[in-house]
Structures are given as C-alpha cells and as structure tokens.
Amino acid sequence: MEEKNEYAKLIEEIKQKYAMESSALQEYNQQEKEKLLIKVEQDKLEKLEKQKEQMDLLEIERQEMKDMMESIEKKFESEKAVFMEKTNQLITKLNEERATQALTIEREKLARKKCDRVEEEIKHLQMSKRVTETIVQHEKNPKSNTQATETSKVTDTSNTVQIPDQNKQPNSSGPSPQRLPCYDGKTEWKPYYMQFIFPIGTGGIVNKD
C-alpha cells in the first residue's frame, strides 16, 4: 500500500516536472518569437533610417539644384538687362547716324542745286557779256552799216549766239571788213557784281580782289 502511494506520488512529481518543462519550453518559444519579431522591427527601423538618410540627401541635392537654378536665372536676367541696354544704345546711335546722314544728304542736294543755279547764272552772264561786247564793237565799226558782212558767231564750249548783220548790201567799194572778235570762253572774266555773289563754302566772305 505504501509502495503504491509512493509510486503515485512519483508519477505526480513526474507529471508536474513535465508540465513545468512544457511551460518553460512554451515560454522559451514565445521569447524566441518575440526576439524574432524584435529583429524584424529593428530591420525595418534600420531600413527606414537609411531611407530617411537618402531622403535627406535628396532634399539637400534638390535645394542645391534650386539654389543653382536661381543663381543661373539671376545671372541670365542681369546679362539680359546689360544686353538690352547695349542694344538700345546701339539702336539709338544708328538712328542718330541715319538722321545725320539724311541731313547731310539733304544739305548736299541743296548745295548741288545752288551750285548748278550759280553755274547757270554765270553762263548766262558770260553769254550776255559776250553778246554786249560784240554789239558794241559792231556799232563802233563805221563801215558796218554800209558793207555786207557774214553772220557773226559767238561760241564757247556749251552755247552759240548768232548776230545777223543789218542792211546787208554787196561790197563794191573795197575788201570786206575784218571779222568781229569773239570771246573764246577760256580766259577768266568776272563782272563787277560777281564779287557780291558768295561762293559755296566761303561762309559769306566776299572776295574784293
């Protein structure tokens, strides 16, 4: 009877030990699972930290790129302003030169017209003088009214004046009179009033020589 009790007691102790071992094993397994979960979480945290570092680097690079683009834009705007200012100055200068050239051309046209007008007047005065001298010399010749003479011609490089003789009659009393002299248009001749005509470019100074 006592042996049975001891045997039952021993079995009970074995059961308790087995239960304790089983509980300890479960607790160990649970701890291992928790360790594994902690490891997984740690790995996740490490990955997140690495991603955060990469994001920080990307943010820094983005800011640097933004600053660089702003600097380039400011430089471009500054150079653009300088270029536009120089362009406007050049356009203004070209417009001024164009206006000056137009004024110069207009002055040259006016001067050319004035010169042509003066030349025409000089030619007219020279022609008038030659005609007057020829008529005066013709009137001074005592035989000019009784003797027939050929038509007198006053010539130069650009104009010719013919003066027909009046009362042309046959010459029966002697040789024909000498032909009236004509102005050759080569020697320099200036009437008195020509000294009051201002030559172009003299600024209104009268030559009284």
N, C-alpha and C. Protein backbone atom coordinates (compact mmCIF):
# COMPACT_ATOMS: atom_id res chain seq x y z
N MET A 1 0.83 -1.20 0.00
CA MET A 1 0.00 0.00 0.00
C MET A 1 0.87 1.25 0.00
N GLU A 2 1.83 1.23 0.80
CA GLU A 2 2.76 2.38 0.86
C GLU A 2 3.53 2.50 -0.44
N GLU A 3 3.85 1.37 -1.04
CA GLU A 3 4.58 1.42 -2.30
C GLU A 3 3.71 2.05 -3.40
N LYS A 4 2.44 1.71 -3.35
CA LYS A 4 1.54 2.30 -4.33
C LYS A 4 1.44 3.80 -4.15
N ASN A 5 1.40 4.22 -2.93
CA ASN A 5 1.33 5.67 -2.67
C ASN A 5 2.59 6.37 -3.16
N GLU A 6 3.72 5.75 -2.91
CA GLU A 6 4.98 6.36 -3.34
C GLU A 6 5.05 6.39 -4.87
N TYR A 7 4.55 5.29 -5.43
CA TYR A 7 4.58 5.24 -6.89
C TYR A 7 3.67 6.32 -7.49
N ALA A 8 2.52 6.48 -6.91
CA ALA A 8 1.59 7.52 -7.36
C ALA A 8 2.18 8.91 -7.16
N LYS A 9 2.84 9.04 -6.05
CA LYS A 9 3.49 10.33 -5.74
C LYS A 9 4.57 10.64 -6.76
N LEU A 10 5.33 9.58 -7.08
CA LEU A 10 6.41 9.77 -8.04
C LEU A 10 5.85 10.15 -9.42
N ILE A 11 4.77 9.44 -9.76
CA ILE A 11 4.13 9.77 -11.05
C ILE A 11 3.63 11.22 -11.07
N GLU A 12 3.08 11.64 -9.95
CA GLU A 12 2.58 13.02 -9.85
C GLU A 12 3.71 14.03 -10.00
N GLU A 13 4.85 13.68 -9.35
CA GLU A 13 6.00 14.59 -9.45
C GLU A 13 6.50 14.67 -10.89
N ILE A 14 6.48 13.46 -11.54
CA ILE A 14 6.94 13.44 -12.93
C ILE A 14 6.02 14.29 -13.81
N LYS A 15 4.73 14.17 -13.55
CA LYS A 15 3.77 14.97 -14.30
C LYS A 15 3.99 16.46 -14.08
N GLN A 16 4.25 16.82 -12.85
CA GLN A 16 4.50 18.24 -12.54
C GLN A 16 5.76 18.75 -13.24
N LYS A 17 6.83 17.88 -13.19
CA LYS A 17 8.07 18.28 -13.86
C LYS A 17 7.84 18.43 -15.37
N TYR A 18 7.07 17.49 -15.91
CA TYR A 18 6.79 17.53 -17.34
C TYR A 18 6.00 18.79 -17.69
N ALA A 19 5.06 19.09 -16.82
CA ALA A 19 4.26 20.30 -17.05
C ALA A 19 5.12 21.55 -16.96
N MET A 20 6.02 21.55 -15.98
CA MET A 20 6.92 22.69 -15.82
C MET A 20 7.84 22.83 -17.05
N GLU A 21 8.37 21.68 -17.51
CA GLU A 21 9.24 21.72 -18.67
C GLU A 21 8.48 22.19 -19.90
N SER A 22 7.26 21.69 -20.01
CA SER A 22 6.45 22.10 -21.16
C SER A 22 6.15 23.60 -21.11
N SER A 23 5.85 24.07 -19.91
CA SER A 23 5.59 25.51 -19.75
C SER A 23 6.83 26.33 -20.04
N ALA A 24 7.99 25.80 -19.55
CA ALA A 24 9.25 26.51 -19.80
C ALA A 24 9.57 26.53 -21.29
N LEU A 25 9.29 25.39 -21.97
CA LEU A 25 9.55 25.32 -23.40
C LEU A 25 8.65 26.30 -24.16
N GLN A 26 7.41 26.36 -23.77
CA GLN A 26 6.49 27.31 -24.41
C GLN A 26 6.94 28.76 -24.20
N GLU A 27 7.37 28.99 -22.96
CA GLU A 27 7.86 30.36 -22.66
C GLU A 27 9.09 30.69 -23.48
N TYR A 28 9.97 29.70 -23.61
CA TYR A 28 11.19 29.89 -24.41
C TYR A 28 10.82 30.17 -25.87
N ASN A 29 9.92 29.35 -26.39
CA ASN A 29 9.49 29.54 -27.77
C ASN A 29 8.85 30.92 -27.98
N GLN A 30 8.09 31.31 -26.96
CA GLN A 30 7.46 32.63 -27.05
C GLN A 30 8.50 33.75 -27.06
N GLN A 31 9.50 33.57 -26.22
CA GLN A 31 10.58 34.56 -26.17
C GLN A 31 11.34 34.61 -27.50
N GLU A 32 11.54 33.42 -28.08
CA GLU A 32 12.24 33.38 -29.37
C GLU A 32 11.42 34.09 -30.45
N LYS A 33 10.11 33.85 -30.39
CA LYS A 33 9.25 34.53 -31.35
C LYS A 33 9.31 36.05 -31.17
N GLU A 34 9.30 36.45 -29.89
CA GLU A 34 9.38 37.88 -29.61
C GLU A 34 10.71 38.46 -30.08
N LYS A 35 11.79 37.68 -29.85
CA LYS A 35 13.09 38.13 -30.32
C LYS A 35 13.09 38.28 -31.84
N LEU A 36 12.48 37.30 -32.51
CA LEU A 36 12.42 37.36 -33.96
C LEU A 36 11.61 38.58 -34.43
N LEU A 37 10.49 38.83 -33.76
CA LEU A 37 9.69 40.00 -34.11
C LEU A 37 10.47 41.30 -33.88
N ILE A 38 11.19 41.31 -32.73
CA ILE A 38 12.02 42.49 -32.44
C ILE A 38 13.08 42.69 -33.52
N LYS A 39 13.68 41.57 -33.96
CA LYS A 39 14.71 41.64 -35.01
C LYS A 39 14.11 42.20 -36.30
N VAL A 40 12.91 41.72 -36.62
CA VAL A 40 12.23 42.20 -37.83
C VAL A 40 11.95 43.70 -37.72
N GLU A 41 11.47 44.11 -36.56
CA GLU A 41 11.19 45.53 -36.35
C GLU A 41 12.46 46.36 -36.43
N GLN A 42 13.54 45.82 -35.87
CA GLN A 42 14.81 46.53 -35.93
C GLN A 42 15.28 46.69 -37.38
N ASP A 43 15.11 45.61 -38.15
CA ASP A 43 15.48 45.69 -39.57
C ASP A 43 14.65 46.75 -40.30
N LYS A 44 13.37 46.76 -39.97
CA LYS A 44 12.50 47.77 -40.57
C LYS A 44 12.94 49.18 -40.19
N LEU A 45 13.29 49.35 -38.91
CA LEU A 45 13.75 50.66 -38.45
C LEU A 45 15.04 51.07 -39.16
N GLU A 46 15.95 50.10 -39.30
CA GLU A 46 17.20 50.41 -39.98
C GLU A 46 16.94 50.81 -41.44
N LYS A 47 16.04 50.09 -42.10
CA LYS A 47 15.70 50.44 -43.47
C LYS A 47 15.07 51.83 -43.55
N LEU A 48 14.20 52.09 -42.59
CA LEU A 48 13.56 53.41 -42.56
C LEU A 48 14.59 54.52 -42.33
N GLU A 49 15.55 54.24 -41.44
CA GLU A 49 16.60 55.23 -41.19
C GLU A 49 17.44 55.46 -42.44
N LYS A 50 17.77 54.36 -43.14
CA LYS A 50 18.53 54.51 -44.37
C LYS A 50 17.73 55.30 -45.42
N GLN A 51 16.46 54.96 -45.52
CA GLN A 51 15.60 55.71 -46.45
C GLN A 51 15.51 57.18 -46.07
N LYS A 52 15.45 57.42 -44.77
CA LYS A 52 15.40 58.81 -44.30
C LYS A 52 16.69 59.54 -44.66
N GLU A 53 17.82 58.86 -44.47
CA GLU A 53 19.10 59.47 -44.84
C GLU A 53 19.13 59.78 -46.33
N GLN A 54 18.65 58.82 -47.13
CA GLN A 54 18.61 59.05 -48.58
C GLN A 54 17.68 60.21 -48.93
N MET A 55 16.55 60.27 -48.23
CA MET A 55 15.63 61.38 -48.46
C MET A 55 16.25 62.71 -48.07
N ASP A 56 16.99 62.69 -46.97
CA ASP A 56 17.68 63.92 -46.55
C ASP A 56 18.71 64.34 -47.60
N LEU A 57 19.45 63.34 -48.12
CA LEU A 57 20.44 63.66 -49.16
C LEU A 57 19.75 64.20 -50.42
N LEU A 58 18.65 63.56 -50.78
CA LEU A 58 17.91 64.04 -51.94
C LEU A 58 17.36 65.45 -51.73
N GLU A 59 16.92 65.72 -50.52
CA GLU A 59 16.43 67.05 -50.21
C GLU A 59 17.55 68.09 -50.29
N ILE A 60 18.73 67.69 -49.80
CA ILE A 60 19.88 68.60 -49.88
C ILE A 60 20.25 68.86 -51.34
N GLU A 61 20.29 67.76 -52.12
CA GLU A 61 20.60 67.92 -53.55
C GLU A 61 19.54 68.78 -54.25
N ARG A 62 18.30 68.56 -53.92
CA ARG A 62 17.23 69.35 -54.53
C ARG A 62 17.37 70.83 -54.19
N GLN A 63 17.71 71.12 -52.94
CA GLN A 63 17.90 72.51 -52.52
C GLN A 63 19.10 73.13 -53.24
N GLU A 64 20.17 72.32 -53.38
CA GLU A 64 21.35 72.81 -54.09
C GLU A 64 21.00 73.11 -55.55
N MET A 65 20.25 72.20 -56.17
CA MET A 65 19.83 72.43 -57.56
C MET A 65 18.95 73.67 -57.67
N LYS A 66 18.06 73.85 -56.71
CA LYS A 66 17.19 75.02 -56.71
C LYS A 66 18.01 76.30 -56.59
N ASP A 67 18.98 76.30 -55.65
CA ASP A 67 19.84 77.48 -55.47
C ASP A 67 20.63 77.76 -56.74
N MET A 68 21.15 76.69 -57.37
CA MET A 68 21.94 76.87 -58.58
C MET A 68 21.07 77.43 -59.71
N MET A 69 19.84 76.92 -59.85
CA MET A 69 18.94 77.43 -60.88
C MET A 69 18.58 78.89 -60.63
N GLU A 70 18.37 79.25 -59.38
CA GLU A 70 18.09 80.65 -59.06
C GLU A 70 19.27 81.54 -59.40
N SER A 71 20.49 81.04 -59.10
CA SER A 71 21.69 81.81 -59.41
C SER A 71 21.84 81.99 -60.93
N ILE A 72 21.61 80.90 -61.67
CA ILE A 72 21.70 80.97 -63.13
C ILE A 72 20.64 81.93 -63.69
N GLU A 73 19.45 81.88 -63.13
CA GLU A 73 18.37 82.76 -63.59
C GLU A 73 18.71 84.23 -63.32
N LYS A 74 19.26 84.51 -62.13
CA LYS A 74 19.65 85.88 -61.82
C LYS A 74 20.75 86.36 -62.76
N LYS A 75 21.73 85.49 -63.01
CA LYS A 75 22.82 85.86 -63.92
C LYS A 75 22.28 86.11 -65.32
N PHE A 76 21.35 85.25 -65.76
CA PHE A 76 20.75 85.43 -67.08
C PHE A 76 19.99 86.75 -67.18
N GLU A 77 19.21 87.06 -66.14
CA GLU A 77 18.45 88.32 -66.14
C GLU A 77 19.39 89.52 -66.16
N SER A 78 20.50 89.41 -65.40
CA SER A 78 21.46 90.52 -65.37
C SER A 78 22.11 90.70 -66.74
N GLU A 79 22.57 89.59 -67.34
CA GLU A 79 23.19 89.68 -68.66
C GLU A 79 22.18 90.14 -69.70
N LYS A 80 20.93 89.70 -69.57
CA LYS A 80 19.89 90.12 -70.49
C LYS A 80 19.67 91.63 -70.40
N ALA A 81 19.65 92.16 -69.16
CA ALA A 81 19.46 93.60 -68.98
C ALA A 81 20.60 94.39 -69.61
N VAL A 82 21.85 93.90 -69.40
CA VAL A 82 23.01 94.58 -69.99
C VAL A 82 22.94 94.53 -71.52
N PHE A 83 22.59 93.35 -72.04
CA PHE A 83 22.50 93.19 -73.50
C PHE A 83 21.43 94.10 -74.09
N MET A 84 20.27 94.16 -73.44
CA MET A 84 19.19 95.01 -73.94
C MET A 84 19.58 96.48 -73.89
N GLU A 85 20.30 96.87 -72.82
CA GLU A 85 20.75 98.27 -72.71
C GLU A 85 21.72 98.61 -73.84
N LYS A 86 22.69 97.70 -74.08
CA LYS A 86 23.64 97.93 -75.16
C LYS A 86 22.93 97.96 -76.52
N THR A 87 21.95 97.06 -76.68
CA THR A 87 21.20 97.03 -77.94
C THR A 87 20.43 98.33 -78.15
N ASN A 88 19.79 98.82 -77.10
CA ASN A 88 19.05 100.08 -77.21
C ASN A 88 19.99 101.25 -77.51
N GLN A 89 21.17 101.25 -76.87
CA GLN A 89 22.15 102.29 -77.15
C GLN A 89 22.60 102.24 -78.61
N LEU A 90 22.83 101.00 -79.09
CA LEU A 90 23.26 100.85 -80.48
C LEU A 90 22.17 101.31 -81.44
N ILE A 91 20.92 100.95 -81.14
CA ILE A 91 19.81 101.37 -81.99
C ILE A 91 19.69 102.90 -82.00
N THR A 92 19.83 103.50 -80.81
CA THR A 92 19.77 104.97 -80.73
C THR A 92 20.89 105.61 -81.54
N LYS A 93 22.10 105.04 -81.41
CA LYS A 93 23.25 105.57 -82.16
C LYS A 93 23.03 105.44 -83.66
N LEU A 94 22.52 104.27 -84.09
CA LEU A 94 22.26 104.06 -85.52
C LEU A 94 21.20 105.02 -86.03
N ASN A 95 20.17 105.25 -85.23
CA ASN A 95 19.13 106.20 -85.64
C ASN A 95 19.69 107.61 -85.76
N GLU A 96 20.56 107.98 -84.80
CA GLU A 96 21.18 109.31 -84.87
C GLU A 96 22.06 109.43 -86.11
N GLU A 97 22.87 108.37 -86.37
CA GLU A 97 23.73 108.40 -87.55
C GLU A 97 22.89 108.46 -88.83
N ARG A 98 21.78 107.72 -88.84
CA ARG A 98 20.91 107.73 -90.01
C ARG A 98 20.30 109.12 -90.22
N ALA A 99 19.88 109.74 -89.11
CA ALA A 99 19.32 111.09 -89.22
C ALA A 99 20.39 112.08 -89.70
N THR A 100 21.62 111.93 -89.16
CA THR A 100 22.71 112.81 -89.58
C THR A 100 23.02 112.62 -91.06
N GLN A 101 23.05 111.35 -91.51
CA GLN A 101 23.31 111.08 -92.92
C GLN A 101 22.22 111.66 -93.81
N ALA A 102 20.96 111.51 -93.35
CA ALA A 102 19.86 112.07 -94.14
C ALA A 102 19.98 113.59 -94.23
N LEU A 103 20.35 114.23 -93.11
CA LEU A 103 20.52 115.69 -93.11
C LEU A 103 21.68 116.09 -94.01
N THR A 104 22.77 115.32 -93.95
CA THR A 104 23.93 115.61 -94.79
C THR A 104 23.58 115.48 -96.27
N ILE A 105 22.85 114.41 -96.60
CA ILE A 105 22.44 114.20 -97.99
C ILE A 105 21.55 115.35 -98.47
N GLU A 106 20.64 115.77 -97.60
CA GLU A 106 19.75 116.88 -97.96
C GLU A 106 20.54 118.16 -98.18
N ARG A 107 21.52 118.40 -97.28
CA ARG A 107 22.37 119.60 -97.45
C ARG A 107 23.17 119.52 -98.74
N GLU A 108 23.69 118.31 -99.06
CA GLU A 108 24.45 118.16 -100.29
C GLU A 108 23.57 118.41 -101.51
N LYS A 109 22.31 117.93 -101.44
CA LYS A 109 21.39 118.18 -102.55
C LYS A 109 21.15 119.68 -102.73
N LEU A 110 20.90 120.37 -101.59
CA LEU A 110 20.67 121.82 -101.66
C LEU A 110 21.90 122.54 -102.19
N ALA A 111 23.10 122.12 -101.71
CA ALA A 111 24.33 122.76 -102.16
C ALA A 111 24.54 122.51 -103.65
N ARG A 112 24.23 121.27 -104.11
CA ARG A 112 24.38 120.96 -105.53
C ARG A 112 23.43 121.80 -106.38
N LYS A 113 22.19 121.92 -105.90
CA LYS A 113 21.22 122.75 -106.63
C LYS A 113 21.69 124.20 -106.69
N LYS A 114 22.20 124.70 -105.54
CA LYS A 114 22.68 126.08 -105.51
C LYS A 114 23.86 126.26 -106.44
N CYS A 115 24.76 125.25 -106.44
CA CYS A 115 25.93 125.32 -107.31
C CYS A 115 25.50 125.31 -108.78
N ASP A 116 24.56 124.42 -109.12
CA ASP A 116 24.07 124.37 -110.50
C ASP A 116 23.41 125.70 -110.89
N ARG A 117 22.66 126.27 -109.96
CA ARG A 117 21.99 127.54 -110.24
C ARG A 117 23.02 128.65 -110.47
N VAL A 118 24.07 128.66 -109.63
CA VAL A 118 25.12 129.68 -109.79
C VAL A 118 25.85 129.48 -111.11
N GLU A 119 26.14 128.22 -111.47
CA GLU A 119 26.81 127.96 -112.74
C GLU A 119 25.96 128.42 -113.93
N GLU A 120 24.66 128.14 -113.85
CA GLU A 120 23.78 128.59 -114.92
C GLU A 120 23.75 130.11 -115.01
N GLU A 121 23.75 130.75 -113.84
CA GLU A 121 23.75 132.22 -113.83
C GLU A 121 25.05 132.77 -114.40
N ILE A 122 26.16 132.10 -114.04
CA ILE A 122 27.46 132.55 -114.57
C ILE A 122 27.49 132.40 -116.09
N LYS A 123 27.01 131.25 -116.58
CA LYS A 123 26.98 131.05 -118.03
C LYS A 123 26.11 132.11 -118.71
N HIS A 124 24.97 132.39 -118.09
CA HIS A 124 24.08 133.40 -118.66
C HIS A 124 24.74 134.77 -118.69
N LEU A 125 25.42 135.13 -117.58
CA LEU A 125 26.10 136.43 -117.52
C LEU A 125 27.25 136.50 -118.51
N GLN A 126 27.99 135.38 -118.64
CA GLN A 126 29.09 135.38 -119.61
C GLN A 126 28.56 135.54 -121.03
N MET A 127 27.47 134.84 -121.31
CA MET A 127 26.87 134.96 -122.63
C MET A 127 26.38 136.38 -122.89
N SER A 128 25.73 136.97 -121.88
CA SER A 128 25.25 138.34 -122.03
C SER A 128 26.39 139.30 -122.28
N LYS A 129 27.50 139.09 -121.58
CA LYS A 129 28.65 139.98 -121.76
C LYS A 129 29.23 139.85 -123.16
N ARG A 130 29.36 138.61 -123.64
CA ARG A 130 29.93 138.43 -124.98
C ARG A 130 29.02 139.04 -126.06
N VAL A 131 27.72 138.86 -125.87
CA VAL A 131 26.78 139.46 -126.83
C VAL A 131 26.87 140.98 -126.80
N THR A 132 26.93 141.54 -125.58
CA THR A 132 27.02 143.00 -125.44
C THR A 132 28.29 143.53 -126.07
N GLU A 133 29.43 142.86 -125.82
CA GLU A 133 30.70 143.32 -126.39
C GLU A 133 30.67 143.25 -127.92
N THR A 134 30.07 142.18 -128.42
CA THR A 134 30.00 142.04 -129.88
C THR A 134 29.15 143.15 -130.50
N ILE A 135 28.02 143.45 -129.87
CA ILE A 135 27.15 144.51 -130.38
C ILE A 135 27.84 145.87 -130.31
N VAL A 136 28.53 146.13 -129.19
CA VAL A 136 29.23 147.41 -129.05
C VAL A 136 30.30 147.56 -130.10
N GLN A 137 31.09 146.48 -130.30
CA GLN A 137 32.14 146.55 -131.31
C GLN A 137 31.55 146.71 -132.71
N HIS A 138 30.45 146.08 -132.94
CA HIS A 138 29.80 146.19 -134.24
C HIS A 138 29.30 147.61 -134.49
N GLU A 139 28.79 148.26 -133.44
CA GLU A 139 28.32 149.64 -133.58
C GLU A 139 29.47 150.62 -133.76
N LYS A 140 30.64 150.30 -133.20
CA LYS A 140 31.79 151.20 -133.33
C LYS A 140 32.42 151.13 -134.71
N ASN A 141 32.15 150.11 -135.46
CA ASN A 141 32.75 149.96 -136.79
C ASN A 141 31.98 150.85 -137.77
N PRO A 142 32.62 151.90 -138.36
CA PRO A 142 31.88 152.83 -139.24
C PRO A 142 31.39 152.19 -140.52
N LYS A 143 32.01 151.12 -140.97
CA LYS A 143 31.61 150.51 -142.23
C LYS A 143 30.58 149.40 -142.05
N SER A 144 30.21 149.15 -140.83
CA SER A 144 29.33 148.00 -140.60
C SER A 144 27.93 148.21 -141.17
N ASN A 145 27.50 149.52 -141.32
CA ASN A 145 26.15 149.79 -141.83
C ASN A 145 26.08 149.83 -143.35
N THR A 146 27.27 149.93 -144.04
CA THR A 146 27.25 150.04 -145.50
C THR A 146 27.81 148.81 -146.18
N GLN A 147 28.57 148.01 -145.50
CA GLN A 147 29.19 146.84 -146.09
C GLN A 147 28.52 145.58 -145.55
N ALA A 148 28.45 144.62 -146.41
CA ALA A 148 27.85 143.33 -146.00
C ALA A 148 28.92 142.48 -145.33
N THR A 149 28.55 141.92 -144.26
CA THR A 149 29.46 141.02 -143.53
C THR A 149 28.76 139.70 -143.30
N GLU A 150 29.54 138.74 -143.06
CA GLU A 150 28.99 137.43 -142.73
C GLU A 150 28.37 137.44 -141.34
N THR A 151 27.58 136.47 -141.11
CA THR A 151 26.94 136.36 -139.78
C THR A 151 28.00 136.10 -138.72
N SER A 152 28.00 136.98 -137.68
CA SER A 152 28.98 136.83 -136.59
C SER A 152 28.50 135.76 -135.61
N LYS A 153 29.41 134.95 -135.19
CA LYS A 153 29.09 133.86 -134.24
C LYS A 153 29.89 134.02 -132.96
N VAL A 154 29.16 133.93 -131.88
CA VAL A 154 29.81 133.95 -130.56
C VAL A 154 29.71 132.53 -130.01
N THR A 155 30.84 131.88 -129.82
CA THR A 155 30.83 130.46 -129.42
C THR A 155 31.64 130.25 -128.16
N ASP A 156 31.25 129.21 -127.44
CA ASP A 156 32.06 128.67 -126.34
C ASP A 156 31.82 127.17 -126.32
N THR A 157 32.17 126.52 -125.25
CA THR A 157 32.08 125.05 -125.18
C THR A 157 30.66 124.56 -125.07
N SER A 158 29.71 125.43 -124.63
CA SER A 158 28.35 124.95 -124.39
C SER A 158 27.27 125.76 -125.08
N ASN A 159 27.53 127.04 -125.53
CA ASN A 159 26.50 127.93 -126.10
C ASN A 159 27.03 128.60 -127.36
N THR A 160 26.14 128.97 -128.30
CA THR A 160 26.48 129.67 -129.53
C THR A 160 25.44 130.75 -129.77
N VAL A 161 25.88 132.00 -130.02
CA VAL A 161 24.97 133.12 -130.29
C VAL A 161 25.27 133.66 -131.68
N GLN A 162 24.27 133.77 -132.52
CA GLN A 162 24.42 134.31 -133.87
C GLN A 162 23.79 135.69 -133.95
N ILE A 163 24.51 136.64 -134.55
CA ILE A 163 24.02 138.01 -134.71
C ILE A 163 23.97 138.31 -136.20
N PRO A 164 22.80 138.33 -136.78
CA PRO A 164 22.72 138.64 -138.23
C PRO A 164 23.05 140.11 -138.47
N ASP A 165 23.76 140.38 -139.56
CA ASP A 165 24.10 141.76 -139.92
C ASP A 165 22.86 142.46 -140.47
N GLN A 166 22.71 143.74 -140.14
CA GLN A 166 21.60 144.56 -140.60
C GLN A 166 21.98 145.22 -141.95
N ASN A 167 20.94 145.41 -142.82
CA ASN A 167 21.12 146.12 -144.10
C ASN A 167 22.24 145.50 -144.93
N LYS A 168 22.18 144.19 -145.12
CA LYS A 168 23.25 143.52 -145.87
C LYS A 168 23.21 144.01 -147.34
N GLN A 169 24.35 144.54 -147.84
CA GLN A 169 24.46 145.05 -149.21
C GLN A 169 25.73 144.52 -149.83
N PRO A 170 25.77 144.46 -151.15
CA PRO A 170 27.00 144.00 -151.82
C PRO A 170 28.14 144.97 -151.56
N ASN A 171 29.33 144.44 -151.38
CA ASN A 171 30.52 145.25 -151.13
C ASN A 171 31.21 145.49 -152.46
N SER A 172 31.06 146.74 -152.96
CA SER A 172 31.68 147.06 -154.26
C SER A 172 32.78 148.08 -154.14
N SER A 173 32.99 148.60 -152.94
CA SER A 173 33.98 149.68 -152.80
C SER A 173 35.30 149.21 -152.24
N GLY A 174 35.41 147.97 -151.82
CA GLY A 174 36.68 147.52 -151.24
C GLY A 174 36.54 146.16 -150.58
N PRO A 175 37.58 145.75 -149.94
CA PRO A 175 37.56 144.42 -149.28
C PRO A 175 36.59 144.41 -148.10
N SER A 176 36.22 143.21 -147.73
CA SER A 176 35.29 143.06 -146.59
C SER A 176 35.98 143.46 -145.29
N PRO A 177 35.21 144.03 -144.38
CA PRO A 177 35.83 144.43 -143.10
C PRO A 177 36.25 143.20 -142.29
N GLN A 178 37.17 143.46 -141.38
CA GLN A 178 37.67 142.37 -140.53
C GLN A 178 36.54 141.78 -139.68
N ARG A 179 36.55 140.48 -139.54
CA ARG A 179 35.51 139.80 -138.75
C ARG A 179 35.58 140.23 -137.28
N LEU A 180 34.42 140.45 -136.69
CA LEU A 180 34.38 140.90 -135.29
C LEU A 180 35.00 139.85 -134.37
N PRO A 181 35.76 140.31 -133.40
CA PRO A 181 36.37 139.34 -132.45
C PRO A 181 35.29 138.68 -131.59
N CYS A 182 35.53 137.43 -131.26
CA CYS A 182 34.61 136.67 -130.40
C CYS A 182 35.32 136.24 -129.12
N TYR A 183 34.58 136.21 -128.05
CA TYR A 183 35.16 135.76 -126.77
C TYR A 183 35.35 134.25 -126.82
N ASP A 184 36.58 133.79 -126.49
CA ASP A 184 36.87 132.35 -126.64
C ASP A 184 36.36 131.51 -125.47
N GLY A 185 35.90 132.12 -124.38
CA GLY A 185 35.34 131.37 -123.25
C GLY A 185 36.39 130.69 -122.39
N LYS A 186 37.67 130.94 -122.60
CA LYS A 186 38.73 130.29 -121.83
C LYS A 186 39.32 131.19 -120.76
N THR A 187 39.46 132.46 -121.07
CA THR A 187 40.06 133.37 -120.08
C THR A 187 39.05 133.66 -118.98
N GLU A 188 39.58 133.99 -117.80
CA GLU A 188 38.71 134.25 -116.66
C GLU A 188 38.16 135.67 -116.73
N TRP A 189 36.86 135.79 -116.61
CA TRP A 189 36.21 137.09 -116.63
C TRP A 189 35.15 137.14 -115.56
N LYS A 190 35.13 138.21 -114.79
CA LYS A 190 34.15 138.38 -113.71
C LYS A 190 33.59 139.79 -113.78
N PRO A 191 32.27 139.92 -113.94
CA PRO A 191 31.68 141.27 -113.89
C PRO A 191 31.74 141.82 -112.47
N TYR A 192 31.50 143.13 -112.38
CA TYR A 192 31.64 143.80 -111.09
C TYR A 192 30.73 143.20 -110.03
N TYR A 193 29.48 142.90 -110.38
CA TYR A 193 28.54 142.43 -109.36
C TYR A 193 28.82 140.98 -108.94
N MET A 194 29.71 140.28 -109.68
CA MET A 194 30.01 138.90 -109.28
C MET A 194 30.76 138.83 -107.96
N GLN A 195 31.41 139.95 -107.58
CA GLN A 195 32.13 139.92 -106.30
C GLN A 195 31.18 139.87 -105.12
N PHE A 196 29.89 140.16 -105.33
CA PHE A 196 28.92 140.11 -104.24
C PHE A 196 28.21 138.77 -104.16
N ILE A 197 28.53 137.85 -105.08
CA ILE A 197 27.96 136.50 -105.01
C ILE A 197 28.90 135.64 -104.19
N PHE A 198 28.37 135.08 -103.11
CA PHE A 198 29.23 134.31 -102.19
C PHE A 198 29.47 132.92 -102.76
N PRO A 199 30.72 132.58 -103.00
CA PRO A 199 31.00 131.20 -103.44
C PRO A 199 30.62 130.22 -102.35
N ILE A 200 30.26 129.01 -102.76
CA ILE A 200 29.85 127.97 -101.80
C ILE A 200 31.04 127.56 -100.95
N GLY A 201 30.84 127.51 -99.64
CA GLY A 201 31.88 127.07 -98.72
C GLY A 201 32.74 128.16 -98.16
N THR A 202 32.49 129.47 -98.59
CA THR A 202 33.31 130.56 -98.06
C THR A 202 32.71 131.17 -96.83
N GLY A 203 31.46 130.73 -96.46
CA GLY A 203 30.83 131.26 -95.25
C GLY A 203 30.40 132.70 -95.38
N GLY A 204 30.16 133.18 -96.62
CA GLY A 204 29.67 134.54 -96.81
C GLY A 204 30.76 135.59 -96.88
N ILE A 205 32.05 135.18 -97.07
CA ILE A 205 33.17 136.15 -97.14
C ILE A 205 33.29 136.63 -98.58
N VAL A 206 33.28 137.91 -98.78
CA VAL A 206 33.33 138.49 -100.12
C VAL A 206 34.77 138.69 -100.53
N ASN A 207 35.11 138.21 -101.73
CA ASN A 207 36.45 138.41 -102.27
C ASN A 207 36.47 139.73 -103.04
N LYS A 208 37.21 140.70 -102.52
CA LYS A 208 37.25 142.04 -103.11
C LYS A 208 38.48 142.28 -103.96
N ASP A 209 39.23 141.19 -104.28
CA ASP A 209 40.41 141.39 -105.10
C ASP A 209 40.00 141.75 -106.52
